Amino acid sequence: MILLKNIEVFSPKYIGIKDVLISGNKIEKINDQIEDNILFETIDCTNKKLVPGFIDNHVHIIGGGGEGSFRSRAPEIYLSELIYGGITTVCGLLGTDSETRSIENLVAKTYSLREEGISAYCFTGSYGYPSITLTNSLKKDITFIDPIIGTKIAINDHRSASITNSELARLSSDTRVSAMISGKSGVVIAHMGDGKRNLKQIREVIENSDIPITTIHPTHVNRKKELLKESYEYAKIGGYIDISAGYIDDDTETSVLSAINNSIRKNIPQNRITISSDGQGSWSNYDSDGNLINMGVASVDILFKEFKNLIDNDYSIEDALIYFTSNVADSFNFKNKGYIKEDKDADLIILDNDNNIDSVITLGKFMLKEKELIRKGTYEI
């Protein structure tokens, strides 16, 4: 059992200086004062802060890329990369390349990360349609494969399968029903490209079917300003939108800070916005003829950097936290994640006086302690 003494707690809402007792993988008790016990590992956390562990809902855990020939395939994620980034829950998915990478690889890596001590989930499908699966059935993947919580699809992109409205509606319905059967979130992660239609197709499917708007989560919505503006309206009518961290463009309206600032000015419900890293995915730029100009690999540590950037630009800690913690937990129905409350999972970040990561606890165990990595991935040196 671990007892954190005299620590400022952000749940993400600020609840004051508290003692926090961790037992097993859960938060056992939060109180103004908890009496020490010989059975506890007691840690004085004076001048430190406790925040929920970050949930990164969009990571290419087996690597993305591959659009610039075989040598451009991005590498798998290491456990330590997630821990250094304060990520205690990760959701893995495929990208453009579903030929040299597979759902089998993805599920195996998800189980591997779980064995190494972190909470991990994944999505069936990829850019293409019909969706590639593990069981030859999207519905069975979600129903029977424990880590699979939803489906990935790409739309509005020159690399997508040009899915029709009826196909997108069927995919969304199958995802939702399978998740209802198996008690999962049943989210469709819709990769948004920079095509001309923006969110038009998703809006048409929602408006002309009985599929709840919370089923389809468009991501990379800050890819361009026209798409971002339409995404604000999608959030305003009840949908969730996901902003990609670290997306740098000549148009500063698409940066995370500007996107959040503008959403507040437009009175967009802030609990409908999440931020993810697109970690280990490749970023790429194309010329007017569709030829690849350059590319690189996104890092998961950008998530915490965006959090710090919000704080540096006058956001309170509790206001900045929601996009990386509680909003994500709510949107994916992760009932034990995203908050610091009794009986929730003990997925926690301890911040130092400068709001940098001091320690990371996943499921009640220290993975990083006083800036020293305690646990590495199986094959990390």
Protein backbone atom coordinates (compact mmCIF):
# COMPACT_ATOMS: atom_id res chain seq x y z
CA MET A 1 0.00 0.00 0.00
CA ILE A 2 1.21 3.50 -0.85
CA LEU A 3 0.32 6.60 1.15
CA LEU A 4 0.88 9.98 -0.54
CA LYS A 5 0.97 12.68 2.15
CA ASN A 6 0.25 16.41 1.85
CA ILE A 7 -0.26 16.53 -1.91
CA GLU A 8 -2.37 18.98 -3.92
CA VAL A 9 -5.01 16.92 -5.70
CA PHE A 10 -6.56 17.77 -9.05
CA SER A 11 -9.31 15.27 -9.76
CA PRO A 12 -9.12 17.02 -12.39
CA LYS A 13 -11.13 19.53 -10.36
CA TYR A 14 -8.96 20.95 -7.57
CA ILE A 15 -9.99 19.41 -4.24
CA GLY A 16 -7.20 20.73 -1.99
CA ILE A 17 -4.20 19.32 -0.14
CA LYS A 18 -4.99 15.72 0.77
CA ASP A 19 -3.57 12.37 1.80
CA VAL A 20 -4.18 9.66 -0.79
CA LEU A 21 -4.01 5.94 0.04
CA ILE A 22 -3.44 3.43 -2.77
CA SER A 23 -4.24 -0.22 -2.20
CA GLY A 24 -3.63 -2.77 -4.94
CA ASN A 25 -4.55 -1.11 -8.23
CA LYS A 26 -7.17 1.21 -6.73
CA ILE A 27 -7.41 4.50 -4.89
CA GLU A 28 -8.53 3.30 -1.46
CA LYS A 29 -9.05 6.57 0.39
CA ILE A 30 -8.72 10.34 -0.01
CA ASN A 31 -8.87 12.47 3.11
CA ASP A 32 -7.44 15.57 4.74
CA GLN A 33 -5.32 13.30 6.90
CA ILE A 34 -4.77 9.55 6.86
CA GLU A 35 -2.89 8.04 9.77
CA ASP A 36 0.39 6.38 8.80
CA ASN A 37 0.77 2.63 9.19
CA ILE A 38 3.77 0.32 9.24
CA LEU A 39 2.26 -1.49 6.24
CA PHE A 40 2.29 1.65 4.09
CA GLU A 41 5.03 3.01 1.85
CA THR A 42 4.61 6.60 2.99
CA ILE A 43 5.82 9.41 0.74
CA ASP A 44 5.88 13.07 1.74
CA CYS A 45 4.56 14.99 -1.28
CA THR A 46 4.69 18.50 0.11
CA ASN A 47 4.84 21.10 -2.72
CA LYS A 48 3.83 18.46 -5.26
CA LYS A 49 0.60 17.94 -7.20
CA LEU A 50 -1.37 14.81 -8.04
CA VAL A 51 -3.25 14.62 -11.34
CA PRO A 52 -4.95 11.75 -13.21
CA GLY A 53 -2.78 9.75 -15.58
CA PHE A 54 -3.17 10.80 -19.20
CA ILE A 55 -5.28 8.73 -21.59
CA ASP A 56 -3.91 8.79 -25.13
CA ASN A 57 -6.72 7.57 -27.37
CA HIS A 58 -4.78 7.55 -30.66
CA VAL A 59 -1.40 5.82 -30.75
CA HIS A 60 0.05 3.61 -33.49
CA ILE A 61 1.49 1.22 -30.93
CA ILE A 62 2.90 -1.15 -33.58
CA GLY A 63 4.09 1.78 -35.69
CA GLY A 64 2.49 3.75 -38.46
CA GLY A 65 3.84 5.08 -41.69
CA GLY A 66 4.86 3.09 -44.71
CA GLU A 67 3.69 5.69 -47.21
CA GLY A 68 7.20 6.40 -48.42
CA SER A 69 8.07 2.75 -49.21
CA PHE A 70 9.06 -0.03 -46.80
CA ARG A 71 11.88 1.92 -45.18
CA SER A 72 9.39 4.52 -43.95
CA ARG A 73 7.57 2.10 -41.63
CA ALA A 74 7.56 3.68 -38.17
CA PRO A 75 8.75 1.60 -35.18
CA GLU A 76 6.66 0.17 -32.36
CA ILE A 77 6.15 2.14 -29.16
CA TYR A 78 8.24 1.31 -26.09
CA LEU A 79 6.71 1.20 -22.63
CA SER A 80 9.15 3.83 -21.36
CA GLU A 81 8.01 6.33 -24.01
CA LEU A 82 4.48 6.15 -22.67
CA ILE A 83 5.61 6.40 -19.05
CA TYR A 84 7.88 9.39 -19.64
CA GLY A 85 4.90 11.06 -21.30
CA GLY A 86 2.65 10.49 -18.30
CA ILE A 87 0.39 8.16 -20.29
CA THR A 88 -1.19 5.49 -18.11
CA THR A 89 -3.85 4.33 -20.59
CA VAL A 90 -3.25 3.92 -24.32
CA CYS A 91 -5.52 3.06 -27.25
CA GLY A 92 -3.79 1.52 -30.26
CA LEU A 93 -4.88 1.49 -33.90
CA LEU A 94 -3.69 0.93 -37.44
CA GLY A 95 -3.14 3.63 -40.02
CA THR A 96 -2.60 3.68 -43.77
CA ASP A 97 -0.66 0.43 -43.82
CA SER A 98 -2.87 -2.59 -43.24
CA GLU A 99 -0.88 -4.79 -45.61
CA THR A 100 2.41 -5.22 -43.72
CA ARG A 101 0.69 -4.65 -40.36
CA SER A 102 -2.34 -6.49 -39.05
CA ILE A 103 -4.99 -6.59 -36.36
CA GLU A 104 -3.21 -9.70 -35.04
CA ASN A 105 -0.05 -7.62 -34.52
CA LEU A 106 -2.07 -4.84 -32.91
CA VAL A 107 -3.90 -7.08 -30.45
CA ALA A 108 -0.68 -8.88 -29.51
CA LYS A 109 1.07 -5.56 -28.79
CA THR A 110 -1.93 -4.43 -26.73
CA TYR A 111 -1.69 -7.55 -24.59
CA SER A 112 2.07 -7.02 -24.33
CA LEU A 113 1.64 -3.51 -22.95
CA ARG A 114 -0.90 -4.82 -20.47
CA GLU A 115 1.58 -7.43 -19.26
CA GLU A 116 4.20 -4.71 -18.88
CA GLY A 117 1.88 -2.83 -16.50
CA ILE A 118 -0.12 -0.26 -18.43
CA SER A 119 -3.81 -0.16 -19.36
CA ALA A 120 -4.13 -0.75 -23.11
CA TYR A 121 -6.97 -1.07 -25.62
CA CYS A 122 -7.23 -1.11 -29.40
CA PHE A 123 -9.51 -0.70 -32.42
CA THR A 124 -10.24 -3.10 -35.23
CA GLY A 125 -10.22 -1.83 -38.82
CA SER A 126 -7.88 0.63 -40.52
CA TYR A 127 -8.12 3.21 -43.31
CA GLY A 128 -9.85 0.80 -45.66
CA TYR A 129 -13.30 -0.68 -46.12
CA PRO A 130 -14.47 -3.41 -45.71
CA SER A 131 -12.67 -3.32 -42.37
CA ILE A 132 -9.81 -5.72 -41.80
CA THR A 133 -10.45 -7.80 -38.68
CA LEU A 134 -9.06 -10.59 -36.53
CA THR A 135 -12.06 -12.92 -36.69
CA ASN A 136 -13.25 -12.00 -40.20
CA SER A 137 -16.09 -10.15 -38.51
CA LEU A 138 -16.04 -6.63 -37.11
CA LYS A 139 -18.88 -7.51 -34.77
CA LYS A 140 -17.13 -10.60 -33.41
CA ASP A 141 -13.85 -8.70 -32.96
CA ILE A 142 -15.54 -6.20 -30.67
CA THR A 143 -17.76 -8.74 -28.94
CA PHE A 144 -15.18 -11.43 -28.18
CA ILE A 145 -11.67 -9.86 -28.28
CA ASP A 146 -11.26 -8.21 -24.88
CA PRO A 147 -8.97 -5.26 -25.76
CA ILE A 148 -10.91 -4.25 -28.92
CA ILE A 149 -13.32 -1.45 -28.03
CA GLY A 150 -14.29 -0.01 -31.41
CA THR A 151 -13.46 0.50 -35.08
CA LYS A 152 -11.10 2.68 -37.09
CA ILE A 153 -12.02 4.09 -40.52
CA ALA A 154 -10.65 6.87 -42.72
CA ILE A 155 -12.81 9.34 -44.62
CA ASN A 156 -12.31 12.60 -46.49
CA ASP A 157 -8.81 11.44 -47.46
CA HIS A 158 -7.12 10.48 -50.73
CA ARG A 159 -5.81 7.35 -48.97
CA SER A 160 -9.23 6.20 -47.76
CA ALA A 161 -11.57 3.66 -49.35
CA SER A 162 -14.17 6.30 -50.30
CA ILE A 163 -16.75 4.68 -48.05
CA THR A 164 -20.38 5.48 -48.88
CA ASN A 165 -22.88 6.94 -46.43
CA SER A 166 -24.75 3.63 -46.16
CA GLU A 167 -21.48 1.76 -45.53
CA LEU A 168 -20.44 4.21 -42.83
CA ALA A 169 -23.87 3.92 -41.22
CA ARG A 170 -23.66 0.10 -41.25
CA LEU A 171 -20.12 0.10 -39.83
CA SER A 172 -21.20 2.48 -37.06
CA SER A 173 -24.30 0.44 -36.25
CA ASP A 174 -22.33 -2.83 -36.15
CA THR A 175 -19.74 -1.21 -33.88
CA ARG A 176 -22.36 0.16 -31.53
CA VAL A 177 -24.43 -3.04 -31.24
CA SER A 178 -21.39 -5.26 -30.70
CA ALA A 179 -20.18 -2.94 -27.97
CA MET A 180 -23.58 -2.96 -26.28
CA ILE A 181 -23.46 -6.76 -26.19
CA SER A 182 -19.95 -6.84 -24.72
CA GLY A 183 -20.17 -3.80 -22.43
CA LYS A 184 -17.66 -1.65 -24.31
CA SER A 185 -17.62 1.91 -25.60
CA GLY A 186 -18.21 1.07 -29.28
CA VAL A 187 -16.55 4.16 -30.72
CA VAL A 188 -15.83 4.65 -34.41
CA ILE A 189 -12.58 6.57 -34.74
CA ALA A 190 -12.94 8.51 -37.99
CA HIS A 191 -9.57 9.60 -39.36
CA MET A 192 -10.23 12.92 -41.06
CA GLY A 193 -8.13 13.76 -44.09
CA ASP A 194 -7.86 17.12 -45.81
CA GLY A 195 -10.42 16.45 -48.56
CA LYS A 196 -13.08 18.90 -49.67
CA ARG A 197 -16.09 17.43 -47.85
CA ASN A 198 -14.74 17.87 -44.32
CA LEU A 199 -17.42 16.60 -41.87
CA LYS A 200 -20.25 16.59 -44.39
CA GLN A 201 -20.42 12.80 -44.69
CA ILE A 202 -20.49 12.21 -40.95
CA ARG A 203 -23.18 14.85 -40.51
CA GLU A 204 -25.27 13.24 -43.25
CA VAL A 205 -25.00 9.81 -41.62
CA ILE A 206 -25.98 11.14 -38.19
CA GLU A 207 -28.86 13.21 -39.58
CA ASN A 208 -30.27 10.38 -41.71
CA SER A 209 -29.96 7.48 -39.30
CA ASP A 210 -30.68 6.62 -35.68
CA ILE A 211 -26.98 6.30 -34.78
CA PRO A 212 -26.14 8.44 -31.71
CA ILE A 213 -23.76 11.26 -32.51
CA THR A 214 -21.43 10.08 -29.74
CA THR A 215 -20.67 6.92 -31.75
CA ILE A 216 -18.49 8.58 -34.40
CA HIS A 217 -15.43 10.44 -33.13
CA PRO A 218 -13.69 12.48 -35.84
CA THR A 219 -9.97 12.85 -35.16
CA HIS A 220 -7.25 15.13 -36.60
CA VAL A 221 -9.96 17.80 -36.77
CA ASN A 222 -7.34 20.54 -36.61
CA ARG A 223 -5.78 19.34 -39.86
CA LYS A 224 -7.12 22.48 -41.55
CA LYS A 225 -9.16 25.44 -40.41
CA GLU A 226 -12.30 24.65 -42.47
CA LEU A 227 -12.49 21.18 -40.94
CA LEU A 228 -11.91 22.59 -37.47
CA LYS A 229 -14.74 25.10 -37.83
CA GLU A 230 -17.15 22.35 -38.85
CA SER A 231 -15.93 20.26 -35.93
CA TYR A 232 -16.88 23.00 -33.48
CA GLU A 233 -20.45 22.72 -34.73
CA TYR A 234 -20.32 18.92 -34.38
CA ALA A 235 -19.29 19.31 -30.73
CA LYS A 236 -21.97 21.93 -30.18
CA ILE A 237 -24.71 19.45 -31.13
CA GLY A 238 -23.33 16.74 -28.84
CA GLY A 239 -20.50 14.98 -30.69
CA TYR A 240 -16.96 14.39 -29.47
CA ILE A 241 -14.05 15.80 -31.48
CA ASP A 242 -10.38 14.88 -31.14
CA ILE A 243 -7.59 17.38 -31.72
CA SER A 244 -4.16 16.11 -32.71
CA ALA A 245 -1.36 17.37 -30.48
CA GLY A 246 1.67 18.98 -32.03
CA TYR A 247 0.08 19.56 -35.41
CA ILE A 248 2.12 22.45 -36.73
CA ASP A 249 0.94 24.31 -39.81
CA ASP A 250 1.52 27.73 -41.32
CA ASP A 251 -2.02 28.60 -40.20
CA THR A 252 -1.77 29.03 -36.44
CA GLU A 253 -5.54 28.57 -36.07
CA THR A 254 -4.90 24.84 -36.25
CA SER A 255 -2.54 24.64 -33.27
CA VAL A 256 -3.91 23.03 -30.11
CA LEU A 257 -3.75 26.28 -28.15
CA SER A 258 -5.54 28.29 -30.83
CA ALA A 259 -8.12 25.56 -31.38
CA ILE A 260 -8.99 25.47 -27.68
CA ASN A 261 -9.00 29.27 -27.41
CA ASN A 262 -11.35 29.58 -30.38
CA SER A 263 -13.64 26.83 -29.10
CA ILE A 264 -14.07 28.72 -25.82
CA ARG A 265 -14.80 31.96 -27.66
CA LYS A 266 -17.45 30.11 -29.70
CA ASN A 267 -19.03 28.64 -26.55
CA ILE A 268 -18.29 25.07 -27.59
CA PRO A 269 -18.87 22.59 -24.73
CA GLN A 270 -15.36 21.89 -23.48
CA ASN A 271 -16.30 18.42 -22.22
CA ARG A 272 -16.72 17.35 -25.87
CA ILE A 273 -13.08 17.94 -26.81
CA THR A 274 -10.22 15.46 -26.43
CA ILE A 275 -6.55 15.73 -27.41
CA SER A 276 -4.44 12.79 -28.59
CA SER A 277 -0.85 12.41 -29.78
CA ASP A 278 -1.11 10.27 -32.96
CA GLY A 279 2.07 8.80 -31.48
CA GLN A 280 4.30 6.58 -33.66
CA GLY A 281 2.19 7.59 -36.62
CA SER A 282 3.83 9.25 -39.55
CA TRP A 283 3.03 12.79 -40.56
CA SER A 284 3.32 13.54 -44.24
CA ASN A 285 3.06 16.38 -46.73
CA TYR A 286 2.05 16.01 -50.38
CA ASP A 287 2.30 18.28 -53.41
CA SER A 288 -0.64 19.24 -55.62
CA ASP A 289 -0.17 16.06 -57.67
CA GLY A 290 -0.41 13.81 -54.62
CA ASN A 291 3.32 13.06 -54.46
CA LEU A 292 4.93 12.60 -51.03
CA ILE A 293 7.23 15.53 -50.20
CA ASN A 294 8.40 14.67 -46.68
CA MET A 295 7.38 12.76 -43.58
CA GLY A 296 8.30 12.10 -39.97
CA VAL A 297 7.12 10.26 -36.84
CA ALA A 298 4.97 11.72 -34.06
CA SER A 299 6.02 11.24 -30.43
CA VAL A 300 3.65 10.57 -27.53
CA ASP A 301 5.49 13.04 -25.30
CA ILE A 302 3.83 15.86 -27.26
CA LEU A 303 0.68 15.26 -25.20
CA PHE A 304 2.26 16.44 -21.96
CA LYS A 305 4.00 19.29 -23.79
CA GLU A 306 0.60 20.52 -24.99
CA PHE A 307 -0.68 20.33 -21.42
CA LYS A 308 2.26 22.44 -20.23
CA ASN A 309 1.72 24.88 -23.10
CA LEU A 310 -1.88 25.44 -22.03
CA ILE A 311 -0.74 26.14 -18.46
CA ASP A 312 1.97 28.49 -19.73
CA ASN A 313 -0.77 30.38 -21.58
CA ASP A 314 -2.86 31.07 -18.49
CA TYR A 315 -5.03 27.97 -18.33
CA SER A 316 -5.49 26.60 -14.83
CA ILE A 317 -4.27 23.07 -14.21
CA GLU A 318 -7.80 21.79 -13.71
CA ASP A 319 -9.03 23.43 -16.93
CA ALA A 320 -6.08 22.10 -18.95
CA LEU A 321 -6.34 18.56 -17.60
CA ILE A 322 -9.81 17.70 -18.89
CA TYR A 323 -8.74 17.28 -22.53
CA PHE A 324 -6.26 14.53 -21.58
CA THR A 325 -8.11 12.82 -18.71
CA SER A 326 -11.80 13.10 -17.79
CA ASN A 327 -13.09 14.00 -21.26
CA VAL A 328 -11.35 10.98 -22.77
CA ALA A 329 -12.57 8.66 -20.02
CA ASP A 330 -16.14 9.86 -20.46
CA SER A 331 -16.09 9.65 -24.25
CA PHE A 332 -14.79 6.06 -24.21
CA ASN A 333 -16.84 4.96 -21.19
CA PHE A 334 -13.69 4.16 -19.19
CA LYS A 335 -15.50 4.11 -15.87
CA ASN A 336 -12.38 3.68 -13.69
CA LYS A 337 -10.13 6.13 -15.52
CA GLY A 338 -9.68 9.86 -15.89
CA TYR A 339 -10.47 10.97 -12.33
CA ILE A 340 -8.88 10.87 -8.89
CA LYS A 341 -11.64 9.41 -6.76
CA GLU A 342 -11.97 6.58 -4.30
CA ASP A 343 -12.38 3.16 -5.99
CA LYS A 344 -11.03 4.47 -9.30
CA ASP A 345 -7.89 2.94 -10.81
CA ALA A 346 -4.68 4.30 -9.30
CA ASP A 347 -3.39 5.77 -12.58
CA LEU A 348 -1.64 8.91 -11.40
CA ILE A 349 0.97 11.52 -12.21
CA ILE A 350 2.87 13.38 -9.51
CA LEU A 351 4.02 16.82 -10.67
CA ASP A 352 6.89 18.75 -9.14
CA ASN A 353 6.77 22.40 -8.18
CA ASP A 354 7.40 23.42 -11.81
CA ASN A 355 4.58 21.20 -13.09
CA ASN A 356 6.97 18.72 -14.65
CA ILE A 357 6.50 14.97 -14.28
CA ASP A 358 8.08 13.73 -11.06
CA SER A 359 6.50 10.26 -10.83
CA VAL A 360 4.04 8.04 -12.69
CA ILE A 361 1.88 5.36 -11.07
CA THR A 362 -0.04 2.87 -13.20
CA LEU A 363 -2.57 0.56 -11.60
CA GLY A 364 -1.07 1.24 -8.18
CA LYS A 365 2.59 0.67 -9.05
CA PHE A 366 5.37 3.18 -9.56
CA MET A 367 6.65 3.14 -13.13
CA LEU A 368 8.60 6.39 -12.76
CA LYS A 369 9.64 7.56 -9.30
CA GLU A 370 11.26 10.93 -8.62
CA LYS A 371 12.20 11.11 -12.33
CA GLU A 372 13.87 7.69 -12.27
CA LEU A 373 12.41 5.02 -14.55
CA ILE A 374 11.44 2.04 -12.41
CA ARG A 375 10.10 -0.30 -15.06
CA LYS A 376 11.11 -0.70 -18.70
CA GLY A 377 9.60 -2.67 -21.53
CA THR A 378 10.69 -6.28 -21.91
CA TYR A 379 13.37 -5.64 -24.53
CA GLU A 380 14.40 -2.12 -23.54
CA ILE A 381 18.07 -1.79 -22.62
